[in-house]
């Protein structure tokens, strides 16, 4: 359980650019790990309307509930580890019942009733991540709602330095910088057209 600021840069890739990046970093299929992101919001999209997001990430039998909110720089992440029984109750129970935690207190502080939250769906990602210069470079192949996309993310602690490194990497590999929405926004756009 904890909070931290997440500063990351992201760029959608074509399949060819994704393959070029895999080759550049000598990545094999064995370097990729499968994970699932289960996304939540209220029926009125109260989280989305506040540029916030809530998900359970499931990877290697480990579950983590994460609330992301806008911060002055980057995003404020509040995380809570869940055991398999808690995750199953949230994902498969009648209605979404979150454990009492810092996340439920933050939700209430931004006028979101945790009992109104609903599971909207799941995005599956095959991910490779590794240290690169002063940050963590992440290569993702995601599938959701009968579509797929490819993306590179760079998580850093220093915004300006990280942005320069990220843009230099894209330039080196002749990949154009693209405005890229986060995964939950892409998922909601595909599901609801919004």
Protein backbone atom coordinates (compact mmCIF):
# COMPACT_ATOMS: atom_id res chain seq x y z
CA UNK A 1 0.00 0.00 0.00
CA UNK A 2 1.35 3.38 -0.83
CA UNK A 3 1.29 6.52 -2.88
CA UNK A 4 3.78 7.86 -5.37
CA UNK A 5 3.98 10.22 -8.31
CA UNK A 6 4.18 8.53 -11.71
CA UNK A 7 5.87 10.48 -14.50
CA UNK A 8 5.80 8.65 -17.80
CA UNK A 9 5.97 9.31 -21.50
CA UNK A 10 4.15 7.08 -23.95
CA UNK A 11 3.90 6.63 -27.67
CA UNK A 12 1.72 4.35 -29.76
CA UNK A 13 3.65 2.23 -32.23
CA UNK A 14 2.82 0.48 -35.46
CA UNK A 15 3.49 -3.26 -35.51
CA UNK A 16 6.62 -2.60 -37.59
CA UNK A 17 7.90 0.00 -35.11
CA UNK A 18 7.18 -2.38 -32.22
CA UNK A 19 9.22 -5.10 -33.95
CA UNK A 20 12.03 -2.60 -34.67
CA UNK A 21 12.15 -1.64 -30.98
CA UNK A 22 12.18 -5.31 -29.91
CA UNK A 23 15.11 -5.93 -32.23
CA UNK A 24 16.96 -2.78 -31.12
CA UNK A 25 16.80 -3.93 -27.47
CA UNK A 26 17.36 -7.64 -28.30
CA UNK A 27 14.04 -8.71 -26.78
CA UNK A 28 12.71 -12.24 -27.24
CA UNK A 29 9.17 -13.50 -26.62
CA UNK A 30 10.42 -14.92 -23.29
CA UNK A 31 11.10 -11.34 -22.14
CA UNK A 32 7.36 -10.53 -22.27
CA UNK A 33 5.01 -11.24 -19.35
CA UNK A 34 1.24 -11.39 -19.63
CA UNK A 35 -0.90 -9.16 -17.42
CA UNK A 36 -4.53 -8.11 -17.25
CA UNK A 37 -5.90 -4.69 -16.33
CA UNK A 38 -9.50 -4.73 -15.08
CA UNK A 39 -11.02 -1.22 -15.35
CA UNK A 40 -13.69 0.34 -13.13
CA UNK A 41 -15.80 3.48 -13.12
CA UNK A 42 -19.27 4.54 -12.04
CA UNK A 43 -22.16 4.32 -14.52
CA UNK A 44 -21.83 8.12 -14.92
CA UNK A 45 -18.05 7.95 -15.54
CA UNK A 46 -17.33 9.99 -12.41
CA UNK A 47 -13.67 8.88 -12.36
CA UNK A 48 -13.11 9.60 -16.05
CA UNK A 49 -14.74 13.02 -15.64
CA UNK A 50 -12.10 13.85 -13.00
CA UNK A 51 -9.25 12.50 -15.21
CA UNK A 52 -8.86 9.69 -12.68
CA UNK A 53 -8.76 5.92 -13.25
CA UNK A 54 -9.16 2.77 -11.16
CA UNK A 55 -7.93 -0.68 -12.06
CA UNK A 56 -6.92 -4.04 -10.73
CA UNK A 57 -3.72 -5.31 -12.36
CA UNK A 58 -3.27 -9.06 -12.35
CA UNK A 59 0.21 -10.43 -13.12
CA UNK A 60 1.87 -13.69 -12.10
CA UNK A 61 -0.88 -14.41 -9.57
CA UNK A 62 -0.37 -11.01 -7.89
CA UNK A 63 -3.22 -8.49 -7.75
CA UNK A 64 -2.90 -4.75 -7.18
CA UNK A 65 -5.66 -2.15 -6.98
CA UNK A 66 -4.49 1.24 -8.29
CA UNK A 67 -6.19 4.62 -8.29
CA UNK A 68 -4.57 7.21 -10.57
CA UNK A 69 -5.35 10.91 -10.21
CA UNK A 70 -3.93 14.02 -11.88
CA UNK A 71 -1.04 15.69 -10.04
CA UNK A 72 0.87 18.90 -10.70
CA UNK A 73 3.45 16.83 -12.56
CA UNK A 74 2.47 13.34 -13.66
CA UNK A 75 -0.11 11.23 -11.84
CA UNK A 76 -0.63 10.45 -8.17
CA UNK A 77 -0.92 6.67 -7.80
CA UNK A 78 -2.45 5.06 -4.74
CA UNK A 79 -1.82 1.31 -4.64
CA UNK A 80 -3.21 -1.53 -2.56
CA UNK A 81 -2.09 -5.14 -2.78
CA UNK A 82 -4.95 -7.65 -2.87
CA UNK A 83 -4.97 -11.35 -2.21
CA UNK A 84 -6.65 -13.65 -4.74
CA UNK A 85 -9.85 -13.94 -2.66
CA UNK A 86 -10.23 -10.15 -2.38
CA UNK A 87 -9.60 -9.70 -6.11
CA UNK A 88 -12.10 -12.45 -6.95
CA UNK A 89 -14.74 -10.82 -4.74
CA UNK A 90 -14.25 -7.44 -6.46
CA UNK A 91 -14.12 -8.90 -9.98
CA UNK A 92 -16.83 -11.55 -9.68
CA UNK A 93 -19.01 -10.53 -6.76
CA UNK A 94 -22.47 -9.00 -6.98
CA UNK A 95 -21.51 -5.35 -7.27
CA UNK A 96 -18.04 -4.01 -6.64
CA UNK A 97 -17.09 -4.01 -2.97
CA UNK A 98 -13.65 -2.53 -2.33
CA UNK A 99 -11.83 -3.26 0.93
CA UNK A 100 -11.76 -0.32 3.33
CA UNK A 101 -8.44 1.35 2.57
CA UNK A 102 -6.70 4.55 1.59
CA UNK A 103 -8.21 4.11 -1.89
CA UNK A 104 -11.80 4.09 -0.61
CA UNK A 105 -11.03 7.14 1.56
CA UNK A 106 -9.56 9.02 -1.43
CA UNK A 107 -12.56 8.08 -3.58
CA UNK A 108 -14.94 9.41 -0.92
CA UNK A 109 -12.86 12.62 -0.64
CA UNK A 110 -13.44 13.28 -4.37
CA UNK A 111 -17.18 12.56 -4.01
CA UNK A 112 -17.17 9.09 -5.54
CA UNK A 113 -19.17 6.44 -3.72
CA UNK A 114 -17.11 3.21 -3.97
CA UNK A 115 -20.32 1.14 -3.96
CA UNK A 116 -21.30 2.70 -7.33
CA UNK A 117 -18.19 1.38 -9.06
CA UNK A 118 -18.66 -1.20 -11.80
CA UNK A 119 -16.24 -3.39 -13.74
CA UNK A 120 -16.27 -2.17 -17.34
CA UNK A 121 -13.91 -4.71 -18.84
CA UNK A 122 -10.43 -6.10 -19.19
CA UNK A 123 -7.41 -5.19 -21.29
CA UNK A 124 -4.74 -7.88 -21.75
CA UNK A 125 -1.14 -6.87 -22.24
CA UNK A 126 2.05 -8.69 -23.10
CA UNK A 127 4.76 -6.53 -21.49
CA UNK A 128 8.53 -6.32 -21.45
CA UNK A 129 10.12 -3.84 -19.06
CA UNK A 130 13.74 -3.02 -18.29
CA UNK A 131 15.99 -0.26 -17.00
CA UNK A 132 16.98 2.23 -19.69
CA UNK A 133 19.25 5.16 -18.88
CA UNK A 134 17.60 6.93 -15.91
CA UNK A 135 14.18 5.24 -16.07
CA UNK A 136 12.12 2.16 -16.83
CA UNK A 137 11.30 1.41 -20.47
CA UNK A 138 8.16 -0.61 -21.12
CA UNK A 139 7.09 -2.24 -24.39
CA UNK A 140 3.42 -3.30 -24.53
CA UNK A 141 1.26 -5.28 -26.93
CA UNK A 142 -2.34 -4.88 -25.71
CA UNK A 143 -5.56 -6.52 -26.84
CA UNK A 144 -9.09 -5.49 -25.91
CA UNK A 145 -12.55 -5.48 -27.48
CA UNK A 146 -11.40 -7.28 -30.65
CA UNK A 147 -8.56 -4.86 -31.35
CA UNK A 148 -4.90 -4.54 -30.47
CA UNK A 149 -2.29 -1.83 -30.16
CA UNK A 150 1.42 -1.46 -29.53
CA UNK A 151 3.02 1.09 -27.24
CA UNK A 152 6.26 2.18 -25.62
CA UNK A 153 6.26 3.86 -22.20
CA UNK A 154 9.13 5.45 -20.31
CA UNK A 155 8.73 5.93 -16.54
CA UNK A 156 11.08 8.45 -14.94
CA UNK A 157 11.62 10.52 -11.81
CA UNK A 158 12.82 13.69 -13.59
CA UNK A 159 10.39 14.99 -16.20
CA UNK A 160 12.65 17.12 -18.42
CA UNK A 161 15.55 14.67 -18.50
CA UNK A 162 13.18 11.74 -19.11
CA UNK A 163 11.38 13.51 -21.94
CA UNK A 164 14.68 14.30 -23.68
CA UNK A 165 15.85 10.67 -23.41
CA UNK A 166 12.48 9.36 -24.65
CA UNK A 167 12.30 11.70 -27.65
CA UNK A 168 15.92 10.90 -28.51
CA UNK A 169 15.10 7.16 -28.50
CA UNK A 170 12.11 7.70 -30.81
CA UNK A 171 14.29 9.83 -33.10
CA UNK A 172 17.07 7.22 -33.14
CA UNK A 173 14.58 4.55 -34.24
CA UNK A 174 12.84 6.95 -36.68
CA UNK A 175 9.52 6.65 -34.88
CA UNK A 176 7.29 9.74 -34.98
CA UNK A 177 6.12 11.14 -31.64
CA UNK A 178 2.36 10.68 -31.34
CA UNK A 179 -0.21 12.06 -28.89
CA UNK A 180 -1.05 8.91 -26.95
CA UNK A 181 -3.92 8.42 -24.54
CA UNK A 182 -3.47 6.05 -21.63
CA UNK A 183 -4.79 2.49 -21.84
CA UNK A 184 -8.01 3.07 -19.91
CA UNK A 185 -8.95 5.98 -22.18
CA UNK A 186 -8.25 3.88 -25.28
CA UNK A 187 -10.30 1.05 -23.77
CA UNK A 188 -13.26 3.34 -22.97
CA UNK A 189 -13.07 4.97 -26.42
CA UNK A 190 -13.21 1.52 -28.05
CA UNK A 191 -16.05 0.36 -25.78
CA UNK A 192 -18.18 3.50 -25.59
CA UNK A 193 -16.90 5.80 -28.34
CA UNK A 194 -15.95 8.38 -25.71
